[in-house]
Amino acid sequence: QMQLVESGGGSAQPGGSLRLSCLMTETVFVSMAWYRQAPGKERELVASISRGVTPTFYADSAKGRSTISRDDAKNLVYLQMNTLNPEDTSVYYCNKASGHMYPWGQGTQVTVSS
């Protein structure tokens, strides 16, 4: 069964950067995405990326500040986040971009504060 292992979160100051990684235990042939969930809020899509020729999608909150990428040879999906602000504080998860989701991983906590 697929397992998703997110890492790379941590504490950052406003304006800082973090690079999140998602290791997939099986090769995937579908679009993958990063999501986030802040306390008391619903999980929301941050960015998604297709396989192959890689069109990408970014939520308005991520546009211009984030870059999603994938290394299918290593079963990895990345999210580079720049110019972080306190509103980015959330637990970040990766999963399919659509359809029946894989079991959710534990996520990686991102905390942005001064």
C-alpha atoms as a PDB file:
ATOM      1  CA  GLN A   1       0.000   0.000   0.000  1.00  0.00           C
ATOM      2  CA  MET A   2       1.247   3.417  -0.883  1.00  0.00           C
ATOM      3  CA  GLN A   3       2.776   5.437   1.915  1.00  0.00           C
ATOM      4  CA  LEU A   4       3.445   9.144   1.712  1.00  0.00           C
ATOM      5  CA  VAL A   5       6.193  10.549   3.908  1.00  0.00           C
ATOM      6  CA  GLU A   6       6.426  14.308   4.134  1.00  0.00           C
ATOM      7  CA  SER A   7       9.456  16.108   5.518  1.00  0.00           C
ATOM      8  CA  GLY A   8      11.275  19.406   5.436  1.00  0.00           C
ATOM      9  CA  GLY A   9       8.973  21.499   7.563  1.00  0.00           C
ATOM     10  CA  GLY A  10      10.046  23.479  10.558  1.00  0.00           C
ATOM     11  CA  SER A  11      10.144  26.979  11.913  1.00  0.00           C
ATOM     12  CA  ALA A  12      10.891  29.950   9.728  1.00  0.00           C
ATOM     13  CA  GLN A  13      10.807  33.683  10.041  1.00  0.00           C
ATOM     14  CA  PRO A  14       8.603  35.794   7.814  1.00  0.00           C
ATOM     15  CA  GLY A  15      10.315  36.193   4.484  1.00  0.00           C
ATOM     16  CA  GLY A  16      12.174  32.926   4.871  1.00  0.00           C
ATOM     17  CA  SER A  17      12.110  29.779   2.767  1.00  0.00           C
ATOM     18  CA  LEU A  18      11.528  26.098   3.241  1.00  0.00           C
ATOM     19  CA  ARG A  19      11.695  23.134   0.903  1.00  0.00           C
ATOM     20  CA  LEU A  20       9.273  20.345   1.594  1.00  0.00           C
ATOM     21  CA  SER A  21       9.750  16.813   0.326  1.00  0.00           C
ATOM     22  CA  CYS A  22       7.294  13.991  -0.156  1.00  0.00           C
ATOM     23  CA  LEU A  23       8.612  10.478  -0.549  1.00  0.00           C
ATOM     24  CA  MET A  24       6.231   8.028  -2.172  1.00  0.00           C
ATOM     25  CA  THR A  25       6.863   4.356  -1.497  1.00  0.00           C
ATOM     26  CA  GLU A  26       5.586   3.378  -4.942  1.00  0.00           C
ATOM     27  CA  THR A  27       6.000   4.861  -8.384  1.00  0.00           C
ATOM     28  CA  VAL A  28       3.040   6.984  -9.355  1.00  0.00           C
ATOM     29  CA  PHE A  29       1.748   7.887 -12.774  1.00  0.00           C
ATOM     30  CA  VAL A  30      -0.708  10.556 -11.772  1.00  0.00           C
ATOM     31  CA  SER A  31      -0.683  14.213 -10.923  1.00  0.00           C
ATOM     32  CA  MET A  32       0.450  14.873  -7.381  1.00  0.00           C
ATOM     33  CA  ALA A  33      -0.236  17.811  -5.140  1.00  0.00           C
ATOM     34  CA  TRP A  34       0.635  19.535  -1.933  1.00  0.00           C
ATOM     35  CA  TYR A  35      -2.113  20.430   0.502  1.00  0.00           C
ATOM     36  CA  ARG A  36      -2.116  22.237   3.805  1.00  0.00           C
ATOM     37  CA  GLN A  37      -4.352  22.363   6.822  1.00  0.00           C
ATOM     38  CA  ALA A  38      -4.208  25.062   9.445  1.00  0.00           C
ATOM     39  CA  PRO A  39      -5.774  24.566  12.893  1.00  0.00           C
ATOM     40  CA  GLY A  40      -9.531  24.854  12.700  1.00  0.00           C
ATOM     41  CA  LYS A  41      -9.536  25.058   8.920  1.00  0.00           C
ATOM     42  CA  GLU A  42     -10.229  22.632   6.117  1.00  0.00           C
ATOM     43  CA  ARG A  43      -7.436  21.089   4.123  1.00  0.00           C
ATOM     44  CA  GLU A  44      -6.724  23.127   1.019  1.00  0.00           C
ATOM     45  CA  LEU A  45      -4.826  22.567  -2.197  1.00  0.00           C
ATOM     46  CA  VAL A  46      -1.569  24.491  -2.462  1.00  0.00           C
ATOM     47  CA  ALA A  47      -0.092  23.294  -5.743  1.00  0.00           C
ATOM     48  CA  SER A  48      -0.227  20.347  -8.114  1.00  0.00           C
ATOM     49  CA  ILE A  49       2.005  18.902 -10.792  1.00  0.00           C
ATOM     50  CA  SER A  50       1.386  16.457 -13.609  1.00  0.00           C
ATOM     51  CA  ARG A  51       3.676  13.656 -14.637  1.00  0.00           C
ATOM     52  CA  GLY A  52       5.741  13.859 -17.795  1.00  0.00           C
ATOM     53  CA  VAL A  53       5.425  17.232 -19.428  1.00  0.00           C
ATOM     54  CA  THR A  54       4.654  18.934 -16.214  1.00  0.00           C
ATOM     55  CA  PRO A  55       1.933  21.525 -16.229  1.00  0.00           C
ATOM     56  CA  THR A  56       1.523  22.918 -12.773  1.00  0.00           C
ATOM     57  CA  PHE A  57      -1.219  24.576 -10.799  1.00  0.00           C
ATOM     58  CA  TYR A  58      -0.861  26.962  -7.889  1.00  0.00           C
ATOM     59  CA  ALA A  59      -3.464  28.251  -5.529  1.00  0.00           C
ATOM     60  CA  ASP A  60      -3.572  32.022  -5.311  1.00  0.00           C
ATOM     61  CA  SER A  61      -1.884  31.827  -1.915  1.00  0.00           C
ATOM     62  CA  ALA A  62       1.112  30.083  -3.475  1.00  0.00           C
ATOM     63  CA  LYS A  63       1.460  31.842  -6.822  1.00  0.00           C
ATOM     64  CA  GLY A  64       4.733  33.639  -7.259  1.00  0.00           C
ATOM     65  CA  ARG A  65       6.122  32.291  -3.988  1.00  0.00           C
ATOM     66  CA  SER A  66       6.156  28.544  -4.413  1.00  0.00           C
ATOM     67  CA  THR A  67       7.475  26.005  -6.869  1.00  0.00           C
ATOM     68  CA  ILE A  68       6.289  22.430  -7.054  1.00  0.00           C
ATOM     69  CA  SER A  69       8.480  19.862  -8.734  1.00  0.00           C
ATOM     70  CA  ARG A  70       8.867  16.107  -8.918  1.00  0.00           C
ATOM     71  CA  ASP A  71      11.599  13.554  -9.434  1.00  0.00           C
ATOM     72  CA  ASP A  72       9.833  10.441 -10.671  1.00  0.00           C
ATOM     73  CA  ALA A  73      13.053   8.443 -10.702  1.00  0.00           C
ATOM     74  CA  LYS A  74      13.258   8.920  -6.943  1.00  0.00           C
ATOM     75  CA  ASN A  75       9.519   8.935  -6.213  1.00  0.00           C
ATOM     76  CA  LEU A  76       9.766  12.420  -4.754  1.00  0.00           C
ATOM     77  CA  VAL A  77       7.626  15.522  -4.947  1.00  0.00           C
ATOM     78  CA  TYR A  78       8.927  18.838  -3.683  1.00  0.00           C
ATOM     79  CA  LEU A  79       7.459  22.153  -2.666  1.00  0.00           C
ATOM     80  CA  GLN A  80       9.826  25.093  -2.495  1.00  0.00           C
ATOM     81  CA  MET A  81       8.218  27.892  -0.535  1.00  0.00           C
ATOM     82  CA  ASN A  82       9.684  31.381  -0.464  1.00  0.00           C
ATOM     83  CA  THR A  83       8.708  34.663   1.132  1.00  0.00           C
ATOM     84  CA  LEU A  84       6.916  32.799   3.877  1.00  0.00           C
ATOM     85  CA  ASN A  85       4.373  34.627   5.978  1.00  0.00           C
ATOM     86  CA  PRO A  86       2.534  33.662   9.178  1.00  0.00           C
ATOM     87  CA  GLU A  87      -0.538  32.668   7.140  1.00  0.00           C
ATOM     88  CA  ASP A  88       1.541  29.806   5.730  1.00  0.00           C
ATOM     89  CA  THR A  89       1.610  28.167   9.141  1.00  0.00           C
ATOM     90  CA  SER A  90      -0.020  24.778   8.598  1.00  0.00           C
ATOM     91  CA  VAL A  91       0.584  21.088   8.383  1.00  0.00           C
ATOM     92  CA  TYR A  92       1.538  20.293   4.792  1.00  0.00           C
ATOM     93  CA  TYR A  93       0.601  17.036   3.109  1.00  0.00           C
ATOM     94  CA  CYS A  94       1.132  15.516  -0.301  1.00  0.00           C
ATOM     95  CA  ASN A  95      -1.309  13.275  -2.134  1.00  0.00           C
ATOM     96  CA  LYS A  96      -2.923  12.812  -5.515  1.00  0.00           C
ATOM     97  CA  ALA A  97      -4.205  15.945  -7.184  1.00  0.00           C
ATOM     98  CA  SER A  98      -7.603  14.368  -7.761  1.00  0.00           C
ATOM     99  CA  GLY A  99      -9.549  11.154  -7.527  1.00  0.00           C
ATOM    100  CA  HIS A 100      -9.425   8.573  -4.781  1.00  0.00           C
ATOM    101  CA  MET A 101      -6.658   9.643  -2.456  1.00  0.00           C
ATOM    102  CA  TYR A 102      -3.852   7.534  -1.135  1.00  0.00           C
ATOM    103  CA  PRO A 103      -3.817   7.135   2.656  1.00  0.00           C
ATOM    104  CA  TRP A 104      -2.731  10.462   4.053  1.00  0.00           C
ATOM    105  CA  GLY A 105       0.689  10.728   5.600  1.00  0.00           C
ATOM    106  CA  GLN A 106       1.461  12.485   8.858  1.00  0.00           C
ATOM    107  CA  GLY A 107       2.332  15.702   7.127  1.00  0.00           C
ATOM    108  CA  THR A 108       5.072  18.132   7.996  1.00  0.00           C
ATOM    109  CA  GLN A 109       4.492  21.149  10.218  1.00  0.00           C
ATOM    110  CA  VAL A 110       5.451  24.575   8.927  1.00  0.00           C
ATOM    111  CA  THR A 111       5.442  27.392  11.460  1.00  0.00           C
ATOM    112  CA  VAL A 112       6.179  30.942  10.383  1.00  0.00           C
ATOM    113  CA  SER A 113       6.661  33.496  13.097  1.00  0.00           C
ATOM    114  CA  SER A 114       9.026  36.214  14.162  1.00  0.00           C
END
